[in-house]
Amino acid sequence: MKPTAPLLLALALVTGGLRAEPITVVTEPWPPYVFLQDGQLRGAHYEASQQLLSGLGYQPEWRLMPWKRAQHDVLAGHADAILDIGINPERQTQYHYPDEPLSTSESVLFYRSSQPFPFTKLDDLRGRRIGVSAGYSYGNQAFLEADYLSREPCPSIEACLLMLERGRIDMALINRSVGRYTLKLLGISDITHHTEPLSGGPVYLAFARRPELADLADRFADALRTFKQTANYQQILRTYGV
């Protein structure tokens, strides 16, 4: 029996309603949380966010770019969300934050093994050149305001570690897991890090501050809380060693 016109119309409406909503997510390479390998996106936070957004009815388009440009694109309306962003009062006026973070970041000081600068307190950094990522919010105001050290902006984590290897900076302030993983990818073995974190805080998938995305931030938080209790989530963490 041939389907009638009303039935065809109903089927079209149903299948149209199931079509995933496109959403553009920007970030910088931040391995092991998000990075490009053999032409494919990988990473713990990428995989978790991809699965959750898809489950919420969205089709993410991912774009990797320098961190400052990623923030600019969301604020300028060219992208809908940004992955692995920290939180501060200013940013809370610029983005819709879920009330569940992806993880907690701890940033430590990386240094050349041949030149182990001591560090137990902020004053130990007096006169030092510290590599920092441009546009980052490190969550340590005393470090950001210290006038007795030099904060040298780096365009990327990889660039920061290469500057350190070549002696252009004395130390680099980088997320512990990100620094270790990037060193492995670069094949650099003569850089290590202090154990005591200098800064840290939660990181999120934050959404552009538009009315239609406020509800998505809430739904993403609920989905993330549930996902963290699953075997799938634990497997993702094991895969990337985080």
Protein backbone atom coordinates (compact mmCIF):
# COMPACT_ATOMS: atom_id res chain seq x y z
CA MET A 1 0.00 0.00 0.00
CA LYS A 2 1.37 3.41 -0.94
CA PRO A 3 1.67 5.96 1.89
CA THR A 4 -0.82 8.77 1.72
CA ALA A 5 0.17 12.41 1.43
CA PRO A 6 -0.77 13.17 5.07
CA LEU A 7 1.37 10.23 6.22
CA LEU A 8 4.32 11.42 4.14
CA LEU A 9 3.94 14.89 5.63
CA ALA A 10 3.86 13.46 9.15
CA LEU A 11 7.00 11.41 8.49
CA ALA A 12 8.77 14.46 7.12
CA LEU A 13 7.88 16.45 10.22
CA VAL A 14 9.09 13.68 12.54
CA THR A 15 12.41 13.16 10.75
CA GLY A 16 12.89 16.90 10.47
CA GLY A 17 12.34 17.23 14.20
CA LEU A 18 15.09 14.67 14.83
CA ARG A 19 17.69 16.58 12.84
CA ALA A 20 20.61 17.58 15.07
CA GLU A 21 21.09 21.27 15.77
CA PRO A 22 24.53 22.52 14.64
CA ILE A 23 26.77 24.07 17.30
CA THR A 24 30.27 25.49 16.83
CA VAL A 25 32.80 24.78 19.60
CA VAL A 26 36.22 26.45 19.64
CA THR A 27 39.32 25.79 21.71
CA GLU A 28 43.10 25.52 21.45
CA PRO A 29 45.04 22.23 21.34
CA TRP A 30 45.34 21.17 24.99
CA PRO A 31 46.48 17.53 25.08
CA PRO A 32 45.46 15.13 26.56
CA TYR A 33 42.11 16.94 26.85
CA VAL A 34 41.73 18.03 23.21
CA PHE A 35 44.22 17.68 20.34
CA LEU A 36 44.59 16.69 16.71
CA GLN A 37 46.30 13.38 15.95
CA ASP A 38 46.59 11.90 12.45
CA GLY A 39 43.93 14.30 11.25
CA GLN A 40 41.43 13.26 13.94
CA LEU A 41 40.34 15.12 17.04
CA ARG A 42 41.05 13.26 20.25
CA GLY A 43 41.17 13.97 23.97
CA ALA A 44 39.33 13.32 27.22
CA HIS A 45 37.31 16.54 27.31
CA TYR A 46 36.68 16.47 23.57
CA GLU A 47 35.27 12.93 23.68
CA ALA A 48 33.10 13.61 26.73
CA SER A 49 31.73 16.88 25.31
CA GLN A 50 31.17 15.39 21.85
CA GLN A 51 29.14 12.52 23.30
CA LEU A 52 27.10 14.73 25.62
CA LEU A 53 26.30 17.40 23.03
CA SER A 54 25.28 14.72 20.53
CA GLY A 55 23.06 13.12 23.15
CA LEU A 56 21.41 16.48 23.78
CA GLY A 57 20.50 16.78 20.11
CA TYR A 58 23.39 18.86 18.78
CA GLN A 59 25.91 18.29 16.01
CA PRO A 60 29.18 19.91 17.13
CA GLU A 61 31.58 21.50 14.68
CA TRP A 62 35.00 21.74 16.32
CA ARG A 63 37.56 24.41 15.50
CA LEU A 64 41.11 24.52 16.93
CA MET A 65 42.81 27.92 17.07
CA PRO A 66 44.97 30.11 19.34
CA TRP A 67 43.35 30.68 22.73
CA LYS A 68 42.84 34.44 22.43
CA ARG A 69 41.18 34.02 19.05
CA ALA A 70 38.92 31.27 20.44
CA GLN A 71 37.67 33.65 23.13
CA HIS A 72 37.23 36.44 20.58
CA ASP A 73 35.19 34.23 18.26
CA VAL A 74 32.69 33.34 20.99
CA LEU A 75 32.38 36.92 22.24
CA ALA A 76 31.99 38.20 18.66
CA GLY A 77 29.22 35.71 17.90
CA HIS A 78 31.26 33.57 15.48
CA ALA A 79 31.12 30.48 17.73
CA ASP A 80 28.68 29.03 20.26
CA ALA A 81 30.90 27.48 22.92
CA ILE A 82 34.48 27.26 24.13
CA LEU A 83 36.14 24.18 25.62
CA ASP A 84 38.42 24.09 28.68
CA ILE A 85 37.95 27.66 29.85
CA GLY A 86 38.53 28.71 33.44
CA ILE A 87 36.17 30.92 35.37
CA ASN A 88 36.47 34.38 36.92
CA PRO A 89 34.01 37.21 37.67
CA GLU A 90 34.58 38.94 34.32
CA ARG A 91 34.07 35.77 32.32
CA GLN A 92 30.87 35.00 34.20
CA THR A 93 29.40 38.10 32.56
CA GLN A 94 30.58 36.93 29.11
CA TYR A 95 29.62 33.24 29.01
CA HIS A 96 26.94 30.87 30.27
CA TYR A 97 28.79 28.43 32.54
CA PRO A 98 27.41 24.99 33.45
CA ASP A 99 27.50 24.42 37.20
CA GLU A 100 29.53 21.22 36.64
CA PRO A 101 33.17 21.52 35.48
CA LEU A 102 34.86 19.11 33.11
CA SER A 103 37.80 18.79 35.51
CA THR A 104 40.11 20.77 37.77
CA SER A 105 43.29 22.22 36.31
CA GLU A 106 46.56 22.46 38.28
CA SER A 107 49.30 24.57 36.70
CA VAL A 108 52.90 23.92 37.71
CA LEU A 109 56.26 25.42 36.76
CA PHE A 110 58.17 23.51 34.09
CA TYR A 111 61.93 24.01 33.82
CA ARG A 112 65.00 22.59 32.09
CA SER A 113 66.48 19.64 33.98
CA SER A 114 69.94 21.18 33.56
CA GLN A 115 68.83 24.41 35.27
CA PRO A 116 66.57 23.52 38.22
CA PHE A 117 65.43 26.85 39.64
CA PRO A 118 64.18 26.42 43.22
CA PHE A 119 60.55 27.22 43.94
CA THR A 120 58.71 27.02 47.24
CA LYS A 121 57.18 30.52 47.36
CA LEU A 122 56.31 33.23 44.85
CA ASP A 123 59.30 35.38 45.82
CA ASP A 124 61.61 32.60 44.57
CA LEU A 125 60.62 33.69 41.06
CA ARG A 126 62.18 37.13 41.48
CA GLY A 127 63.98 38.14 38.28
CA ARG A 128 62.80 35.06 36.41
CA ARG A 129 61.22 34.93 32.95
CA ILE A 130 58.04 32.86 33.22
CA GLY A 131 56.27 31.68 30.09
CA VAL A 132 52.49 32.04 30.25
CA SER A 133 49.76 31.35 27.71
CA ALA A 134 48.27 34.49 26.20
CA GLY A 135 44.70 35.06 27.33
CA TYR A 136 44.77 32.56 30.22
CA SER A 137 43.16 33.23 33.58
CA TYR A 138 45.51 31.50 36.00
CA GLY A 139 43.56 32.04 39.21
CA ASN A 140 46.57 33.39 41.16
CA GLN A 141 46.24 37.15 41.41
CA ALA A 142 49.49 37.56 43.35
CA PHE A 143 51.42 35.94 40.50
CA LEU A 144 49.63 38.05 37.88
CA GLU A 145 50.38 41.27 39.78
CA ALA A 146 53.98 40.52 40.83
CA ASP A 147 56.28 43.22 39.42
CA TYR A 148 59.54 41.46 40.29
CA LEU A 149 59.27 38.79 37.59
CA SER A 150 58.64 38.79 33.86
CA ARG A 151 55.57 37.04 32.43
CA GLU A 152 56.37 36.15 28.82
CA PRO A 153 53.24 35.45 26.71
CA CYS A 154 53.32 32.37 24.47
CA PRO A 155 50.93 31.79 21.55
CA SER A 156 50.51 28.11 22.47
CA ILE A 157 51.56 25.44 24.96
CA GLU A 158 53.86 23.90 22.37
CA ALA A 159 55.51 27.26 21.68
CA CYS A 160 55.99 27.84 25.41
CA LEU A 161 57.81 24.54 25.88
CA LEU A 162 59.99 25.13 22.83
CA MET A 163 60.91 28.59 24.15
CA LEU A 164 61.85 26.94 27.44
CA GLU A 165 63.95 24.27 25.73
CA ARG A 166 65.85 26.96 23.80
CA GLY A 167 66.54 29.04 26.92
CA ARG A 168 64.38 32.01 25.93
CA ILE A 169 62.49 31.72 29.23
CA ASP A 170 63.48 30.29 32.61
CA MET A 171 60.25 28.45 33.44
CA ALA A 172 56.78 27.92 31.99
CA LEU A 173 53.49 27.83 33.88
CA ILE A 174 51.41 25.04 32.33
CA ASN A 175 48.72 22.58 33.37
CA ARG A 176 50.55 19.55 34.75
CA SER A 177 48.90 16.93 32.50
CA VAL A 178 48.98 19.17 29.42
CA GLY A 179 52.67 19.95 29.85
CA ARG A 180 53.63 16.32 30.32
CA TYR A 181 51.58 15.13 27.36
CA THR A 182 52.85 17.89 25.07
CA LEU A 183 56.47 17.12 25.99
CA LYS A 184 55.82 13.50 25.03
CA LEU A 185 54.31 14.55 21.69
CA LEU A 186 57.29 16.85 21.02
CA GLY A 187 59.83 14.20 22.01
CA ILE A 188 61.45 16.49 24.60
CA SER A 189 63.00 14.66 27.56
CA ASP A 190 65.15 17.31 29.27
CA ILE A 191 62.29 19.35 30.78
CA THR A 192 60.61 18.52 34.08
CA HIS A 193 58.41 20.41 36.56
CA HIS A 194 57.97 21.37 40.19
CA THR A 195 55.35 19.37 42.07
CA GLU A 196 53.70 22.29 43.90
CA PRO A 197 50.98 23.97 41.81
CA LEU A 198 51.24 27.73 41.41
CA SER A 199 47.65 28.12 40.25
CA GLY A 200 44.58 26.08 39.47
CA GLY A 201 40.84 25.89 39.24
CA PRO A 202 37.94 24.24 37.41
CA VAL A 203 37.67 24.25 33.61
CA TYR A 204 34.41 24.13 31.68
CA LEU A 205 32.65 23.89 28.38
CA ALA A 206 31.17 27.41 28.47
CA PHE A 207 28.53 28.74 26.10
CA ALA A 208 28.08 32.10 24.40
CA ARG A 209 25.99 34.44 26.51
CA ARG A 210 22.90 34.26 24.35
CA PRO A 211 19.42 33.50 25.76
CA GLU A 212 18.96 30.32 23.73
CA LEU A 213 22.19 28.83 25.13
CA ALA A 214 21.45 29.39 28.83
CA ASP A 215 19.20 26.33 28.95
CA LEU A 216 21.80 24.25 27.11
CA ALA A 217 24.39 25.10 29.77
CA ASP A 218 22.03 23.76 32.45
CA ARG A 219 21.21 20.60 30.50
CA PHE A 220 24.88 19.99 29.75
CA ALA A 221 25.72 20.24 33.47
CA ASP A 222 23.04 17.66 34.35
CA ALA A 223 24.22 15.32 31.59
CA LEU A 224 27.87 15.70 32.63
CA ARG A 225 27.12 14.87 36.27
CA THR A 226 25.37 11.68 35.18
CA PHE A 227 28.08 10.80 32.64
CA LYS A 228 30.82 11.02 35.28
CA GLN A 229 29.22 8.03 37.04
CA THR A 230 29.45 5.76 33.99
CA ALA A 231 31.99 3.14 32.93
CA ASN A 232 32.29 4.95 29.60
CA TYR A 233 33.59 8.07 31.34
CA GLN A 234 36.10 6.07 33.39
CA GLN A 235 37.36 4.41 30.22
CA ILE A 236 37.93 7.82 28.60
CA LEU A 237 40.00 8.91 31.61
CA ARG A 238 42.09 5.72 31.46
CA THR A 239 42.65 6.09 27.73
CA TYR A 240 44.26 9.51 28.18
CA GLY A 241 45.86 8.92 31.57
CA VAL A 242 43.97 11.66 33.44
